[in-house]
Amino acid sequence: MQRDELDQALLAAHADHDIAELVRLYTVAAETAEADDDVEAANFFLTHAFVFALEGGAPEAAPLNQRLAARGCAKLLEF
């Protein structure tokens, strides 16, 4: 997904309050940033994905937390 497409999709998901799509898109954004070796952006996007996963009670919360904890960006939580 191109950066402009991703930005537009994120804006639409926010406007629609689509938590599942926000989790997915922020995860995609994190993976894109990782591929570009932009660790700070990847951490930012992973954090957003994690927060939305928590908010929505999504099953992705646990693996996102594990990824953030492995990066030293969050405490490992028990789910």
PDB file of N, CA and C in Angstrom:
ATOM      1  N   MET A   1       0.855  -1.179   0.000  1.00  0.00           N
ATOM      2  CA  MET A   1       0.000   0.000   0.000  1.00  0.00           C
ATOM      3  C   MET A   1       0.895   1.235   0.000  1.00  0.00           C
ATOM      4  N   GLN A   2       0.640   2.142  -0.912  1.00  0.00           N
ATOM      5  CA  GLN A   2       1.388   3.397  -1.003  1.00  0.00           C
ATOM      6  C   GLN A   2       1.107   4.275   0.221  1.00  0.00           C
ATOM      7  N   ARG A   3       2.062   5.117   0.570  1.00  0.00           N
ATOM      8  CA  ARG A   3       1.927   5.983   1.759  1.00  0.00           C
ATOM      9  C   ARG A   3       0.678   6.859   1.674  1.00  0.00           C
ATOM     10  N   ASP A   4       0.408   7.457   0.516  1.00  0.00           N
ATOM     11  CA  ASP A   4      -0.780   8.309   0.372  1.00  0.00           C
ATOM     12  C   ASP A   4      -2.063   7.502   0.569  1.00  0.00           C
ATOM     13  N   GLU A   5      -2.098   6.294   0.021  1.00  0.00           N
ATOM     14  CA  GLU A   5      -3.262   5.420   0.193  1.00  0.00           C
ATOM     15  C   GLU A   5      -3.451   5.064   1.668  1.00  0.00           C
ATOM     16  N   LEU A   6      -2.352   4.776   2.331  1.00  0.00           N
ATOM     17  CA  LEU A   6      -2.399   4.432   3.745  1.00  0.00           C
ATOM     18  C   LEU A   6      -2.906   5.609   4.573  1.00  0.00           C
ATOM     19  N   ASP A   7      -2.399   6.799   4.283  1.00  0.00           N
ATOM     20  CA  ASP A   7      -2.861   7.996   4.995  1.00  0.00           C
ATOM     21  C   ASP A   7      -4.359   8.211   4.806  1.00  0.00           C
ATOM     22  N   GLN A   8      -4.834   8.074   3.579  1.00  0.00           N
ATOM     23  CA  GLN A   8      -6.265   8.252   3.308  1.00  0.00           C
ATOM     24  C   GLN A   8      -7.103   7.184   3.994  1.00  0.00           C
ATOM     25  N   ALA A   9      -6.614   5.952   3.985  1.00  0.00           N
ATOM     26  CA  ALA A   9      -7.334   4.866   4.640  1.00  0.00           C
ATOM     27  C   ALA A   9      -7.394   5.081   6.148  1.00  0.00           C
ATOM     28  N   LEU A  10      -6.299   5.574   6.734  1.00  0.00           N
ATOM     29  CA  LEU A  10      -6.299   5.881   8.168  1.00  0.00           C
ATOM     30  C   LEU A  10      -7.301   6.979   8.497  1.00  0.00           C
ATOM     31  N   LEU A  11      -7.315   8.022   7.690  1.00  0.00           N
ATOM     32  CA  LEU A  11      -8.271   9.108   7.922  1.00  0.00           C
ATOM     33  C   LEU A  11      -9.710   8.605   7.826  1.00  0.00           C
ATOM     34  N   ALA A  12      -9.982   7.759   6.852  1.00  0.00           N
ATOM     35  CA  ALA A  12     -11.329   7.207   6.690  1.00  0.00           C
ATOM     36  C   ALA A  12     -11.695   6.316   7.872  1.00  0.00           C
ATOM     37  N   ALA A  13     -10.762   5.494   8.329  1.00  0.00           N
ATOM     38  CA  ALA A  13     -11.036   4.617   9.468  1.00  0.00           C
ATOM     39  C   ALA A  13     -11.288   5.428  10.738  1.00  0.00           C
ATOM     40  N   HIS A  14     -10.547   6.513  10.899  1.00  0.00           N
ATOM     41  CA  HIS A  14     -10.802   7.401  12.045  1.00  0.00           C
ATOM     42  C   HIS A  14     -12.192   8.025  11.929  1.00  0.00           C
ATOM     43  N   ALA A  15     -12.529   8.504  10.761  1.00  0.00           N
ATOM     44  CA  ALA A  15     -13.836   9.143  10.552  1.00  0.00           C
ATOM     45  C   ALA A  15     -14.976   8.158  10.805  1.00  0.00           C
ATOM     46  N   ASP A  16     -14.758   6.895  10.444  1.00  0.00           N
ATOM     47  CA  ASP A  16     -15.782   5.859  10.619  1.00  0.00           C
ATOM     48  C   ASP A  16     -15.740   5.213  12.002  1.00  0.00           C
ATOM     49  N   HIS A  17     -14.752   5.592  12.812  1.00  0.00           N
ATOM     50  CA  HIS A  17     -14.567   4.974  14.136  1.00  0.00           C
ATOM     51  C   HIS A  17     -14.460   3.452  14.013  1.00  0.00           C
ATOM     52  N   ASP A  18     -13.745   3.006  12.986  1.00  0.00           N
ATOM     53  CA  ASP A  18     -13.570   1.584  12.695  1.00  0.00           C
ATOM     54  C   ASP A  18     -12.301   1.086  13.397  1.00  0.00           C
ATOM     55  N   ILE A  19     -12.485   0.619  14.632  1.00  0.00           N
ATOM     56  CA  ILE A  19     -11.357   0.226  15.462  1.00  0.00           C
ATOM     57  C   ILE A  19     -10.556  -0.914  14.833  1.00  0.00           C
ATOM     58  N   ALA A  20     -11.224  -1.916  14.332  1.00  0.00           N
ATOM     59  CA  ALA A  20     -10.515  -3.060  13.733  1.00  0.00           C
ATOM     60  C   ALA A  20      -9.647  -2.604  12.562  1.00  0.00           C
ATOM     61  N   GLU A  21     -10.177  -1.711  11.750  1.00  0.00           N
ATOM     62  CA  GLU A  21      -9.411  -1.215  10.604  1.00  0.00           C
ATOM     63  C   GLU A  21      -8.260  -0.333  11.071  1.00  0.00           C
ATOM     64  N   LEU A  22      -8.456   0.427  12.131  1.00  0.00           N
ATOM     65  CA  LEU A  22      -7.364   1.246  12.666  1.00  0.00           C
ATOM     66  C   LEU A  22      -6.231   0.362  13.175  1.00  0.00           C
ATOM     67  N   VAL A  23      -6.564  -0.712  13.855  1.00  0.00           N
ATOM     68  CA  VAL A  23      -5.531  -1.647  14.321  1.00  0.00           C
ATOM     69  C   VAL A  23      -4.766  -2.192  13.119  1.00  0.00           C
ATOM     70  N   ARG A  24      -5.481  -2.631  12.118  1.00  0.00           N
ATOM     71  CA  ARG A  24      -4.846  -3.206  10.926  1.00  0.00           C
ATOM     72  C   ARG A  24      -3.971  -2.186  10.204  1.00  0.00           C
ATOM     73  N   LEU A  25      -4.516  -0.997   9.987  1.00  0.00           N
ATOM     74  CA  LEU A  25      -3.780   0.010   9.225  1.00  0.00           C
ATOM     75  C   LEU A  25      -2.565   0.545   9.979  1.00  0.00           C
ATOM     76  N   TYR A  26      -2.691   0.753  11.280  1.00  0.00           N
ATOM     77  CA  TYR A  26      -1.520   1.204  12.042  1.00  0.00           C
ATOM     78  C   TYR A  26      -0.449   0.118  12.086  1.00  0.00           C
ATOM     79  N   THR A  27      -0.856  -1.141  12.085  1.00  0.00           N
ATOM     80  CA  THR A  27       0.113  -2.234  12.023  1.00  0.00           C
ATOM     81  C   THR A  27       0.818  -2.237  10.669  1.00  0.00           C
ATOM     82  N   VAL A  28       0.061  -2.035   9.600  1.00  0.00           N
ATOM     83  CA  VAL A  28       0.653  -1.937   8.259  1.00  0.00           C
ATOM     84  C   VAL A  28       1.622  -0.753   8.206  1.00  0.00           C
ATOM     85  N   ALA A  29       1.227   0.373   8.765  1.00  0.00           N
ATOM     86  CA  ALA A  29       2.099   1.549   8.785  1.00  0.00           C
ATOM     87  C   ALA A  29       3.390   1.254   9.546  1.00  0.00           C
ATOM     88  N   ALA A  30       3.287   0.527  10.659  1.00  0.00           N
ATOM     89  CA  ALA A  30       4.477   0.159  11.433  1.00  0.00           C
ATOM     90  C   ALA A  30       5.395  -0.739  10.616  1.00  0.00           C
ATOM     91  N   GLU A  31       4.813  -1.701   9.938  1.00  0.00           N
ATOM     92  CA  GLU A  31       5.621  -2.619   9.129  1.00  0.00           C
ATOM     93  C   GLU A  31       6.275  -1.898   7.956  1.00  0.00           C
ATOM     94  N   THR A  32       5.578  -0.926   7.399  1.00  0.00           N
ATOM     95  CA  THR A  32       6.148  -0.119   6.319  1.00  0.00           C
ATOM     96  C   THR A  32       7.319   0.704   6.842  1.00  0.00           C
ATOM     97  N   ALA A  33       7.149   1.302   8.009  1.00  0.00           N
ATOM     98  CA  ALA A  33       8.228   2.093   8.613  1.00  0.00           C
ATOM     99  C   ALA A  33       9.422   1.202   8.947  1.00  0.00           C
ATOM    100  N   GLU A  34       9.152  -0.004   9.450  1.00  0.00           N
ATOM    101  CA  GLU A  34      10.240  -0.949   9.729  1.00  0.00           C
ATOM    102  C   GLU A  34      11.013  -1.276   8.464  1.00  0.00           C
ATOM    103  N   ALA A  35      10.305  -1.494   7.373  1.00  0.00           N
ATOM    104  CA  ALA A  35      10.953  -1.808   6.098  1.00  0.00           C
ATOM    105  C   ALA A  35      11.832  -0.656   5.626  1.00  0.00           C
ATOM    106  N   ASP A  36      11.450   0.568   6.022  1.00  0.00           N
ATOM    107  CA  ASP A  36      12.227   1.756   5.666  1.00  0.00           C
ATOM    108  C   ASP A  36      13.292   2.082   6.710  1.00  0.00           C
ATOM    109  N   ASP A  37      13.482   1.180   7.692  1.00  0.00           N
ATOM    110  CA  ASP A  37      14.442   1.372   8.791  1.00  0.00           C
ATOM    111  C   ASP A  37      14.162   2.625   9.612  1.00  0.00           C
ATOM    112  N   ASP A  38      12.893   2.986   9.733  1.00  0.00           N
ATOM    113  CA  ASP A  38      12.497   4.136  10.547  1.00  0.00           C
ATOM    114  C   ASP A  38      11.913   3.599  11.858  1.00  0.00           C
ATOM    115  N   VAL A  39      12.799   3.326  12.794  1.00  0.00           N
ATOM    116  CA  VAL A  39      12.421   2.693  14.054  1.00  0.00           C
ATOM    117  C   VAL A  39      11.470   3.573  14.858  1.00  0.00           C
ATOM    118  N   GLU A  40      11.736   4.853  14.898  1.00  0.00           N
ATOM    119  CA  GLU A  40      10.883   5.773  15.670  1.00  0.00           C
ATOM    120  C   GLU A  40       9.448   5.773  15.133  1.00  0.00           C
ATOM    121  N   ALA A  41       9.300   5.847  13.827  1.00  0.00           N
ATOM    122  CA  ALA A  41       7.962   5.819  13.226  1.00  0.00           C
ATOM    123  C   ALA A  41       7.304   4.463  13.457  1.00  0.00           C
ATOM    124  N   ALA A  42       8.059   3.393  13.338  1.00  0.00           N
ATOM    125  CA  ALA A  42       7.501   2.055  13.566  1.00  0.00           C
ATOM    126  C   ALA A  42       6.975   1.938  14.989  1.00  0.00           C
ATOM    127  N   ASN A  43       7.735   2.431  15.957  1.00  0.00           N
ATOM    128  CA  ASN A  43       7.285   2.395  17.347  1.00  0.00           C
ATOM    129  C   ASN A  43       6.022   3.237  17.539  1.00  0.00           C
ATOM    130  N   PHE A  44       5.980   4.383  16.916  1.00  0.00           N
ATOM    131  CA  PHE A  44       4.810   5.266  16.996  1.00  0.00           C
ATOM    132  C   PHE A  44       3.567   4.551  16.462  1.00  0.00           C
ATOM    133  N   PHE A  45       3.677   3.965  15.283  1.00  0.00           N
ATOM    134  CA  PHE A  45       2.531   3.296  14.671  1.00  0.00           C
ATOM    135  C   PHE A  45       2.133   2.035  15.441  1.00  0.00           C
ATOM    136  N   LEU A  46       3.116   1.278  15.933  1.00  0.00           N
ATOM    137  CA  LEU A  46       2.793   0.103  16.737  1.00  0.00           C
ATOM    138  C   LEU A  46       2.061   0.492  18.015  1.00  0.00           C
ATOM    139  N   THR A  47       2.485   1.597  18.614  1.00  0.00           N
ATOM    140  CA  THR A  47       1.819   2.075  19.828  1.00  0.00           C
ATOM    141  C   THR A  47       0.374   2.423  19.534  1.00  0.00           C
ATOM    142  N   HIS A  48       0.134   3.101  18.429  1.00  0.00           N
ATOM    143  CA  HIS A  48      -1.247   3.431  18.059  1.00  0.00           C
ATOM    144  C   HIS A  48      -2.068   2.167  17.798  1.00  0.00           C
ATOM    145  N   ALA A  49      -1.485   1.222  17.085  1.00  0.00           N
ATOM    146  CA  ALA A  49      -2.191  -0.034  16.829  1.00  0.00           C
ATOM    147  C   ALA A  49      -2.546  -0.714  18.145  1.00  0.00           C
ATOM    148  N   PHE A  50      -1.606  -0.727  19.070  1.00  0.00           N
ATOM    149  CA  PHE A  50      -1.821  -1.357  20.370  1.00  0.00           C
ATOM    150  C   PHE A  50      -2.927  -0.663  21.156  1.00  0.00           C
ATOM    151  N   VAL A  51      -2.897   0.657  21.193  1.00  0.00           N
ATOM    152  CA  VAL A  51      -3.918   1.401  21.936  1.00  0.00           C
ATOM    153  C   VAL A  51      -5.306   1.137  21.360  1.00  0.00           C
ATOM    154  N   PHE A  52      -5.425   1.164  20.049  1.00  0.00           N
ATOM    155  CA  PHE A  52      -6.731   0.885  19.442  1.00  0.00           C
ATOM    156  C   PHE A  52      -7.148  -0.567  19.669  1.00  0.00           C
ATOM    157  N   ALA A  53      -6.182  -1.493  19.667  1.00  0.00           N
ATOM    158  CA  ALA A  53      -6.512  -2.889  19.950  1.00  0.00           C
ATOM    159  C   ALA A  53      -7.032  -3.035  21.379  1.00  0.00           C
ATOM    160  N   LEU A  54      -6.412  -2.337  22.308  1.00  0.00           N
ATOM    161  CA  LEU A  54      -6.892  -2.359  23.691  1.00  0.00           C
ATOM    162  C   LEU A  54      -8.293  -1.767  23.781  1.00  0.00           C
ATOM    163  N   GLU A  55      -8.471  -0.637  23.126  1.00  0.00           N
ATOM    164  CA  GLU A  55      -9.764   0.049  23.153  1.00  0.00           C
ATOM    165  C   GLU A  55     -10.878  -0.848  22.612  1.00  0.00           C
ATOM    166  N   GLY A  56     -10.568  -1.576  21.560  1.00  0.00           N
ATOM    167  CA  GLY A  56     -11.580  -2.412  20.917  1.00  0.00           C
ATOM    168  C   GLY A  56     -11.635  -3.832  21.440  1.00  0.00           C
ATOM    169  N   GLY A  57     -10.787  -4.170  22.404  1.00  0.00           N
ATOM    170  CA  GLY A  57     -10.759  -5.542  22.897  1.00  0.00           C
ATOM    171  C   GLY A  57     -10.328  -6.538  21.839  1.00  0.00           C
ATOM    172  N   ALA A  58      -9.496  -6.085  20.921  1.00  0.00           N
ATOM    173  CA  ALA A  58      -9.074  -6.916  19.791  1.00  0.00           C
ATOM    174  C   ALA A  58      -8.016  -7.937  20.214  1.00  0.00           C
ATOM    175  N   PRO A  59      -8.038  -9.107  19.608  1.00  0.00           N
ATOM    176  CA  PRO A  59      -7.046 -10.141  19.938  1.00  0.00           C
ATOM    177  C   PRO A  59      -5.621  -9.733  19.554  1.00  0.00           C
ATOM    178  N   GLU A  60      -5.484  -8.755  18.694  1.00  0.00           N
ATOM    179  CA  GLU A  60      -4.150  -8.290  18.288  1.00  0.00           C
ATOM    180  C   GLU A  60      -3.411  -7.574  19.418  1.00  0.00           C
ATOM    181  N   ALA A  61      -4.121  -7.213  20.494  1.00  0.00           N
ATOM    182  CA  ALA A  61      -3.488  -6.458  21.583  1.00  0.00           C
ATOM    183  C   ALA A  61      -2.285  -7.203  22.158  1.00  0.00           C
ATOM    184  N   ALA A  62      -2.435  -8.487  22.416  1.00  0.00           N
ATOM    185  CA  ALA A  62      -1.336  -9.255  23.027  1.00  0.00           C
ATOM    186  C   ALA A  62      -0.097  -9.293  22.135  1.00  0.00           C
ATOM    187  N   PRO A  63      -0.203  -9.681  20.854  1.00  0.00           N
ATOM    188  CA  PRO A  63       1.013  -9.700  20.043  1.00  0.00           C
ATOM    189  C   PRO A  63       1.603  -8.302  19.796  1.00  0.00           C
ATOM    190  N   LEU A  64       0.755  -7.293  19.724  1.00  0.00           N
ATOM    191  CA  LEU A  64       1.281  -5.930  19.575  1.00  0.00           C
ATOM    192  C   LEU A  64       2.040  -5.523  20.826  1.00  0.00           C
ATOM    193  N   ASN A  65       1.515  -5.864  21.990  1.00  0.00           N
ATOM    194  CA  ASN A  65       2.211  -5.584  23.241  1.00  0.00           C
ATOM    195  C   ASN A  65       3.546  -6.306  23.281  1.00  0.00           C
ATOM    196  N   GLN A  66       3.574  -7.551  22.829  1.00  0.00           N
ATOM    197  CA  GLN A  66       4.820  -8.313  22.808  1.00  0.00           C
ATOM    198  C   GLN A  66       5.855  -7.646  21.902  1.00  0.00           C
ATOM    199  N   ARG A  67       5.412  -7.171  20.755  1.00  0.00           N
ATOM    200  CA  ARG A  67       6.331  -6.479  19.833  1.00  0.00           C
ATOM    201  C   ARG A  67       6.883  -5.211  20.458  1.00  0.00           C
ATOM    202  N   LEU A  68       6.013  -4.444  21.097  1.00  0.00           N
ATOM    203  CA  LEU A  68       6.466  -3.205  21.747  1.00  0.00           C
ATOM    204  C   LEU A  68       7.407  -3.504  22.914  1.00  0.00           C
ATOM    205  N   ALA A  69       7.092  -4.523  23.694  1.00  0.00           N
ATOM    206  CA  ALA A  69       7.947  -4.890  24.825  1.00  0.00           C
ATOM    207  C   ALA A  69       9.318  -5.347  24.336  1.00  0.00           C
ATOM    208  N   ALA A  70       9.355  -6.094  23.262  1.00  0.00           N
ATOM    209  CA  ALA A  70      10.627  -6.551  22.700  1.00  0.00           C
ATOM    210  C   ALA A  70      11.489  -5.389  22.236  1.00  0.00           C
ATOM    211  N   ARG A  71      10.841  -4.291  21.883  1.00  0.00           N
ATOM    212  CA  ARG A  71      11.562  -3.091  21.443  1.00  0.00           C
ATOM    213  C   ARG A  71      11.932  -2.186  22.611  1.00  0.00           C
ATOM    214  N   GLY A  72      11.479  -2.544  23.811  1.00  0.00           N
ATOM    215  CA  GLY A  72      11.732  -1.706  24.983  1.00  0.00           C
ATOM    216  C   GLY A  72      10.811  -0.506  25.069  1.00  0.00           C
ATOM    217  N   CYS A  73       9.668  -0.585  24.383  1.00  0.00           N
ATOM    218  CA  CYS A  73       8.746   0.547  24.316  1.00  0.00           C
ATOM    219  C   CYS A  73       7.509   0.374  25.201  1.00  0.00           C
ATOM    220  N   ALA A  74       7.373  -0.773  25.841  1.00  0.00           N
ATOM    221  CA  ALA A  74       6.215  -1.021  26.681  1.00  0.00           C
ATOM    222  C   ALA A  74       6.550  -2.136  27.664  1.00  0.00           C
ATOM    223  N   LYS A  75       5.817  -2.149  28.733  1.00  0.00           N
ATOM    224  CA  LYS A  75       5.928  -3.249  29.687  1.00  0.00           C
ATOM    225  C   LYS A  75       5.100  -4.412  29.129  1.00  0.00           C
ATOM    226  N   LEU A  76       5.623  -5.617  29.256  1.00  0.00           N
ATOM    227  CA  LEU A  76       4.897  -6.790  28.804  1.00  0.00           C
ATOM    228  C   LEU A  76       3.725  -7.038  29.748  1.00  0.00           C
ATOM    229  N   LEU A  77       2.537  -7.071  29.196  1.00  0.00           N
ATOM    230  CA  LEU A  77       1.319  -7.254  29.982  1.00  0.00           C
ATOM    231  C   LEU A  77       0.829  -8.685  29.853  1.00  0.00           C
ATOM    232  N   GLU A  78       0.006  -9.092  30.790  1.00  0.00           N
ATOM    233  CA  GLU A  78      -0.625 -10.410  30.722  1.00  0.00           C
ATOM    234  C   GLU A  78      -2.042 -10.235  30.248  1.00  0.00           C
ATOM    235  N   PHE A  79      -2.439 -11.014  29.250  1.00  0.00           N
ATOM    236  CA  PHE A  79      -3.785 -10.939  28.701  1.00  0.00           C
ATOM    237  C   PHE A  79      -4.523 -12.225  28.995  1.00  0.00           C
TER     238      PHE A  79
END
